[in-house]
């Protein structure tokens, strides 16, 4: 039968990768927002440079 200490260690081992994944997801989402802002700034410049003819 599992004792409380062993169950606690198993639960911590399962949760540890989730704690490490969360900051990575946050950083990825921040990066996407930054890229979106950059594309929004570049797009009008590209439209201005488009040759119409």
PDB file of N, CA and C in Angstrom:
ATOM      1  N   UNK A   1       0.842  -1.190   0.000  1.00  0.00           N
ATOM      2  CA  UNK A   1       0.000   0.000   0.000  1.00  0.00           C
ATOM      3  C   UNK A   1       0.884   1.249   0.000  1.00  0.00           C
ATOM      4  N   UNK A   2       0.477   2.268  -0.735  1.00  0.00           N
ATOM      5  CA  UNK A   2       1.247   3.503  -0.814  1.00  0.00           C
ATOM      6  C   UNK A   2       1.051   4.332   0.452  1.00  0.00           C
ATOM      7  N   UNK A   3       2.165   4.867   0.945  1.00  0.00           N
ATOM      8  CA  UNK A   3       2.026   5.758   2.086  1.00  0.00           C
ATOM      9  C   UNK A   3       1.924   7.205   1.603  1.00  0.00           C
ATOM     10  N   UNK A   4       1.605   8.104   2.504  1.00  0.00           N
ATOM     11  CA  UNK A   4       1.354   9.497   2.148  1.00  0.00           C
ATOM     12  C   UNK A   4       2.584  10.152   1.530  1.00  0.00           C
ATOM     13  N   UNK A   5       3.759   9.871   2.067  1.00  0.00           N
ATOM     14  CA  UNK A   5       4.988  10.489   1.553  1.00  0.00           C
ATOM     15  C   UNK A   5       5.240  10.068   0.105  1.00  0.00           C
ATOM     16  N   UNK A   6       5.027   8.807  -0.199  1.00  0.00           N
ATOM     17  CA  UNK A   6       5.243   8.323  -1.567  1.00  0.00           C
ATOM     18  C   UNK A   6       4.226   8.938  -2.528  1.00  0.00           C
ATOM     19  N   UNK A   7       2.977   9.020  -2.107  1.00  0.00           N
ATOM     20  CA  UNK A   7       1.942   9.626  -2.945  1.00  0.00           C
ATOM     21  C   UNK A   7       2.287  11.090  -3.211  1.00  0.00           C
ATOM     22  N   UNK A   8       2.782  11.798  -2.201  1.00  0.00           N
ATOM     23  CA  UNK A   8       3.161  13.204  -2.357  1.00  0.00           C
ATOM     24  C   UNK A   8       4.289  13.345  -3.365  1.00  0.00           C
ATOM     25  N   UNK A   9       5.298  12.467  -3.284  1.00  0.00           N
ATOM     26  CA  UNK A   9       6.417  12.534  -4.235  1.00  0.00           C
ATOM     27  C   UNK A   9       5.957  12.246  -5.662  1.00  0.00           C
ATOM     28  N   UNK A  10       5.053  11.298  -5.814  1.00  0.00           N
ATOM     29  CA  UNK A  10       4.533  10.980  -7.146  1.00  0.00           C
ATOM     30  C   UNK A  10       3.772  12.182  -7.707  1.00  0.00           C
ATOM     31  N   UNK A  11       2.942  12.799  -6.881  1.00  0.00           N
ATOM     32  CA  UNK A  11       2.172  13.962  -7.332  1.00  0.00           C
ATOM     33  C   UNK A  11       3.102  15.110  -7.712  1.00  0.00           C
ATOM     34  N   UNK A  12       4.157  15.328  -6.939  1.00  0.00           N
ATOM     35  CA  UNK A  12       5.109  16.396  -7.255  1.00  0.00           C
ATOM     36  C   UNK A  12       5.842  16.097  -8.561  1.00  0.00           C
ATOM     37  N   UNK A  13       6.198  14.841  -8.770  1.00  0.00           N
ATOM     38  CA  UNK A  13       6.904  14.461  -9.997  1.00  0.00           C
ATOM     39  C   UNK A  13       6.016  14.669 -11.227  1.00  0.00           C
ATOM     40  N   UNK A  14       4.729  14.429 -11.077  1.00  0.00           N
ATOM     41  CA  UNK A  14       3.800  14.621 -12.194  1.00  0.00           C
ATOM     42  C   UNK A  14       3.610  16.110 -12.478  1.00  0.00           C
ATOM     43  N   UNK A  15       3.534  16.924 -11.439  1.00  0.00           N
ATOM     44  CA  UNK A  15       3.264  18.359 -11.602  1.00  0.00           C
ATOM     45  C   UNK A  15       4.497  19.142 -12.039  1.00  0.00           C
ATOM     46  N   UNK A  16       5.691  18.644 -11.781  1.00  0.00           N
ATOM     47  CA  UNK A  16       6.912  19.404 -12.091  1.00  0.00           C
ATOM     48  C   UNK A  16       7.020  19.786 -13.571  1.00  0.00           C
ATOM     49  N   UNK A  17       6.812  18.882 -14.526  1.00  0.00           N
ATOM     50  CA  UNK A  17       6.898  19.298 -15.935  1.00  0.00           C
ATOM     51  C   UNK A  17       5.858  20.359 -16.292  1.00  0.00           C
ATOM     52  N   UNK A  18       4.693  20.315 -15.649  1.00  0.00           N
ATOM     53  CA  UNK A  18       3.657  21.310 -15.927  1.00  0.00           C
ATOM     54  C   UNK A  18       4.115  22.689 -15.478  1.00  0.00           C
ATOM     55  N   UNK A  19       4.805  22.769 -14.357  1.00  0.00           N
ATOM     56  CA  UNK A  19       5.309  24.058 -13.866  1.00  0.00           C
ATOM     57  C   UNK A  19       6.369  24.609 -14.802  1.00  0.00           C
ATOM     58  N   UNK A  20       7.162  23.745 -15.401  1.00  0.00           N
ATOM     59  CA  UNK A  20       8.210  24.198 -16.312  1.00  0.00           C
ATOM     60  C   UNK A  20       7.622  24.608 -17.658  1.00  0.00           C
ATOM     61  N   UNK A  21       6.526  23.989 -18.062  1.00  0.00           N
ATOM     62  CA  UNK A  21       5.913  24.271 -19.355  1.00  0.00           C
ATOM     63  C   UNK A  21       5.187  25.610 -19.335  1.00  0.00           C
ATOM     64  N   UNK A  22       4.598  25.969 -18.245  1.00  0.00           N
ATOM     65  CA  UNK A  22       3.778  27.180 -18.155  1.00  0.00           C
ATOM     66  C   UNK A  22       4.562  28.452 -18.515  1.00  0.00           C
ATOM     67  N   UNK A  23       5.740  28.694 -17.919  1.00  0.00           N
ATOM     68  CA  UNK A  23       6.481  29.908 -18.310  1.00  0.00           C
ATOM     69  C   UNK A  23       6.854  29.913 -19.792  1.00  0.00           C
ATOM     70  N   UNK A  24       7.145  28.753 -20.339  1.00  0.00           N
ATOM     71  CA  UNK A  24       7.485  28.683 -21.763  1.00  0.00           C
ATOM     72  C   UNK A  24       6.284  29.087 -22.613  1.00  0.00           C
ATOM     73  N   UNK A  25       5.097  28.648 -22.225  1.00  0.00           N
ATOM     74  CA  UNK A  25       3.894  29.032 -22.963  1.00  0.00           C
ATOM     75  C   UNK A  25       3.651  30.528 -22.853  1.00  0.00           C
ATOM     76  N   UNK A  26       3.871  31.087 -21.653  1.00  0.00           N
ATOM     77  CA  UNK A  26       3.694  32.528 -21.466  1.00  0.00           C
ATOM     78  C   UNK A  26       4.653  33.306 -22.358  1.00  0.00           C
ATOM     79  N   UNK A  27       5.905  32.860 -22.417  1.00  0.00           N
ATOM     80  CA  UNK A  27       6.890  33.541 -23.261  1.00  0.00           C
ATOM     81  C   UNK A  27       6.507  33.447 -24.736  1.00  0.00           C
ATOM     82  N   UNK A  28       6.013  32.289 -25.142  1.00  0.00           N
ATOM     83  CA  UNK A  28       5.619  32.111 -26.540  1.00  0.00           C
ATOM     84  C   UNK A  28       4.464  33.042 -26.894  1.00  0.00           C
ATOM     85  N   UNK A  29       3.505  33.173 -25.980  1.00  0.00           N
ATOM     86  CA  UNK A  29       2.370  34.054 -26.251  1.00  0.00           C
ATOM     87  C   UNK A  29       2.818  35.512 -26.315  1.00  0.00           C
ATOM     88  N   UNK A  30       3.756  35.904 -25.452  1.00  0.00           N
ATOM     89  CA  UNK A  30       4.276  37.271 -25.494  1.00  0.00           C
ATOM     90  C   UNK A  30       5.015  37.506 -26.804  1.00  0.00           C
ATOM     91  N   UNK A  31       5.753  36.504 -27.250  1.00  0.00           N
ATOM     92  CA  UNK A  31       6.473  36.618 -28.512  1.00  0.00           C
ATOM     93  C   UNK A  31       5.521  36.785 -29.676  1.00  0.00           C
ATOM     94  N   UNK A  32       4.408  36.050 -29.654  1.00  0.00           N
ATOM     95  CA  UNK A  32       3.423  36.171 -30.729  1.00  0.00           C
ATOM     96  C   UNK A  32       2.828  37.570 -30.752  1.00  0.00           C
ATOM     97  N   UNK A  33       2.567  38.138 -29.583  1.00  0.00           N
ATOM     98  CA  UNK A  33       2.018  39.492 -29.528  1.00  0.00           C
ATOM     99  C   UNK A  33       3.029  40.484 -30.098  1.00  0.00           C
ATOM    100  N   UNK A  34       4.308  40.282 -29.786  1.00  0.00           N
ATOM    101  CA  UNK A  34       5.345  41.172 -30.305  1.00  0.00           C
ATOM    102  C   UNK A  34       5.470  41.082 -31.811  1.00  0.00           C
ATOM    103  N   UNK A  35       5.372  39.875 -32.343  1.00  0.00           N
ATOM    104  CA  UNK A  35       5.449  39.688 -33.796  1.00  0.00           C
ATOM    105  C   UNK A  35       4.237  40.334 -34.464  1.00  0.00           C
ATOM    106  N   UNK A  36       3.078  40.179 -33.870  1.00  0.00           N
ATOM    107  CA  UNK A  36       1.872  40.794 -34.428  1.00  0.00           C
ATOM    108  C   UNK A  36       1.993  42.304 -34.489  1.00  0.00           C
ATOM    109  N   UNK A  37       2.553  42.910 -33.450  1.00  0.00           N
ATOM    110  CA  UNK A  37       2.737  44.361 -33.438  1.00  0.00           C
ATOM    111  C   UNK A  37       3.736  44.778 -34.512  1.00  0.00           C
ATOM    112  N   UNK A  38       4.780  43.979 -34.688  1.00  0.00           N
ATOM    113  CA  UNK A  38       5.798  44.298 -35.695  1.00  0.00           C
ATOM    114  C   UNK A  38       5.198  44.220 -37.100  1.00  0.00           C
ATOM    115  N   UNK A  39       4.435  43.170 -37.356  1.00  0.00           N
ATOM    116  CA  UNK A  39       3.807  43.012 -38.672  1.00  0.00           C
ATOM    117  C   UNK A  39       2.834  44.165 -38.916  1.00  0.00           C
ATOM    118  N   UNK A  40       2.107  44.562 -37.885  1.00  0.00           N
ATOM    119  CA  UNK A  40       1.176  45.680 -38.019  1.00  0.00           C
ATOM    120  C   UNK A  40       1.893  46.973 -38.367  1.00  0.00           C
ATOM    121  N   UNK A  41       3.117  47.146 -37.872  1.00  0.00           N
ATOM    122  CA  UNK A  41       3.879  48.357 -38.162  1.00  0.00           C
ATOM    123  C   UNK A  41       4.501  48.305 -39.556  1.00  0.00           C
ATOM    124  N   UNK A  42       4.901  47.119 -40.000  1.00  0.00           N
ATOM    125  CA  UNK A  42       5.573  46.981 -41.294  1.00  0.00           C
ATOM    126  C   UNK A  42       4.570  47.004 -42.446  1.00  0.00           C
ATOM    127  N   UNK A  43       3.399  46.471 -42.252  1.00  0.00           N
ATOM    128  CA  UNK A  43       2.411  46.326 -43.328  1.00  0.00           C
ATOM    129  C   UNK A  43       2.084  47.653 -44.017  1.00  0.00           C
ATOM    130  N   UNK A  44       1.779  48.741 -43.309  1.00  0.00           N
ATOM    131  CA  UNK A  44       1.493  49.997 -44.013  1.00  0.00           C
ATOM    132  C   UNK A  44       2.675  50.467 -44.865  1.00  0.00           C
ATOM    133  N   UNK A  45       3.889  50.241 -44.391  1.00  0.00           N
ATOM    134  CA  UNK A  45       5.083  50.626 -45.148  1.00  0.00           C
ATOM    135  C   UNK A  45       5.162  49.816 -46.438  1.00  0.00           C
ATOM    136  N   UNK A  46       4.856  48.534 -46.375  1.00  0.00           N
ATOM    137  CA  UNK A  46       4.869  47.698 -47.576  1.00  0.00           C
ATOM    138  C   UNK A  46       3.796  48.157 -48.558  1.00  0.00           C
ATOM    139  N   UNK A  47       2.626  48.502 -48.041  1.00  0.00           N
ATOM    140  CA  UNK A  47       1.548  48.972 -48.913  1.00  0.00           C
ATOM    141  C   UNK A  47       1.954  50.262 -49.627  1.00  0.00           C
ATOM    142  N   UNK A  48       2.659  51.121 -48.944  1.00  0.00           N
ATOM    143  CA  UNK A  48       3.089  52.394 -49.513  1.00  0.00           C
ATOM    144  C   UNK A  48       4.088  52.166 -50.640  1.00  0.00           C
ATOM    145  N   UNK A  49       4.908  51.102 -50.494  1.00  0.00           N
ATOM    146  CA  UNK A  49       5.953  50.839 -51.476  1.00  0.00           C
ATOM    147  C   UNK A  49       5.471  50.007 -52.667  1.00  0.00           C
ATOM    148  N   UNK A  50       4.245  49.513 -52.599  1.00  0.00           N
ATOM    149  CA  UNK A  50       3.718  48.674 -53.673  1.00  0.00           C
ATOM    150  C   UNK A  50       3.594  49.480 -54.964  1.00  0.00           C
ATOM    151  N   UNK A  51       4.095  48.895 -56.035  1.00  0.00           N
ATOM    152  CA  UNK A  51       4.020  49.549 -57.345  1.00  0.00           C
ATOM    153  C   UNK A  51       2.677  49.204 -57.960  1.00  0.00           C
ATOM    154  N   UNK A  52       1.935  50.209 -58.310  1.00  0.00           N
ATOM    155  CA  UNK A  52       0.623  49.974 -58.916  1.00  0.00           C
ATOM    156  C   UNK A  52       0.736  50.258 -60.411  1.00  0.00           C
ATOM    157  N   UNK A  53       0.211  49.348 -61.192  1.00  0.00           N
ATOM    158  CA  UNK A  53       0.347  49.621 -62.608  1.00  0.00           C
ATOM    159  C   UNK A  53      -0.387  48.716 -63.491  1.00  0.00           C
TER     160      UNK A  53
END
